[in-house]
Amino acid sequence: MHGFSSSVLSCRERERLEEELSEVRTRSRNLSRLRQLTQRERMALDEREQTAQARLRDHDAEHGCQR
């Protein structure tokens, strides 16, 4: 039973991390459509996306609940 609940929790966490990554990508895309981004803004958005990707990869490596 413990293994099942742990698996469910890690999958929920993965879903949350996927949503975080999706939000970062959507925000970047929407801002780019609205106006020309400064180099600083583009770098910050790229860094946020890379961080979200890394967190998702780390989670997958730690919990093994990839889809």
Protein backbone atom coordinates (compact mmCIF):
# COMPACT_ATOMS: atom_id res chain seq x y z
CA MET A 1 0.00 0.00 0.00
CA HIS A 2 2.81 2.42 0.82
CA GLY A 3 4.34 2.01 -2.65
CA PHE A 4 1.03 2.82 -4.29
CA SER A 5 0.47 6.05 -2.35
CA SER A 6 4.05 7.14 -2.95
CA SER A 7 3.64 6.52 -6.68
CA VAL A 8 0.41 8.50 -6.81
CA LEU A 9 2.02 11.43 -4.98
CA SER A 10 5.03 11.51 -7.27
CA CYS A 11 2.78 11.43 -10.34
CA ARG A 12 0.80 14.37 -8.96
CA GLU A 13 4.07 16.20 -8.42
CA ARG A 14 5.08 15.40 -12.00
CA GLU A 15 1.78 16.79 -13.24
CA ARG A 16 2.41 19.96 -11.24
CA LEU A 17 5.92 20.29 -12.70
CA GLU A 18 4.59 19.70 -16.23
CA GLU A 19 2.00 22.42 -15.65
CA GLU A 20 4.72 24.77 -14.39
CA LEU A 21 6.76 24.16 -17.55
CA SER A 22 3.71 24.67 -19.74
CA GLU A 23 2.89 27.96 -18.01
CA VAL A 24 6.41 29.26 -18.53
CA ARG A 25 6.30 28.36 -22.22
CA THR A 26 2.85 29.89 -22.66
CA ARG A 27 3.87 33.10 -20.91
CA SER A 28 6.96 33.41 -23.07
CA ARG A 29 4.99 32.81 -26.25
CA ASN A 30 2.25 35.28 -25.28
CA LEU A 31 4.67 38.03 -24.28
CA SER A 32 6.58 37.55 -27.53
CA ARG A 33 3.37 37.99 -29.49
CA LEU A 34 2.49 41.19 -27.66
CA ARG A 35 5.77 43.01 -28.15
CA GLN A 36 9.46 42.74 -28.81
CA LEU A 37 11.13 41.41 -25.68
CA THR A 38 14.34 42.91 -24.40
CA GLN A 39 17.39 40.70 -24.28
CA ARG A 40 17.15 40.69 -20.48
CA GLU A 41 13.49 39.60 -20.58
CA ARG A 42 14.23 36.86 -23.11
CA MET A 43 17.14 35.60 -21.01
CA ALA A 44 14.99 35.56 -17.85
CA LEU A 45 12.20 33.63 -19.60
CA ASP A 46 14.69 31.18 -21.09
CA GLU A 47 16.23 30.65 -17.65
CA ARG A 48 12.81 30.01 -16.11
CA GLU A 49 12.05 27.45 -18.81
CA GLN A 50 15.39 25.71 -18.35
CA THR A 51 14.84 25.60 -14.59
CA ALA A 52 11.37 24.10 -15.02
CA GLN A 53 12.76 21.50 -17.43
CA ALA A 54 15.55 20.62 -15.01
CA ARG A 55 13.11 20.23 -12.11
CA LEU A 56 10.99 17.89 -14.22
CA ARG A 57 14.05 15.84 -15.29
CA ASP A 58 15.25 15.67 -11.68
CA HIS A 59 11.85 14.50 -10.54
CA ASP A 60 11.76 11.81 -13.22
CA ALA A 61 15.24 10.61 -12.25
CA GLU A 62 14.37 10.53 -8.56
CA HIS A 63 10.91 9.02 -8.73
CA GLY A 64 10.85 7.17 -12.05
CA CYS A 65 7.29 8.22 -12.87
CA GLN A 66 7.84 9.37 -16.43
CA ARG A 67 4.96 9.17 -18.82
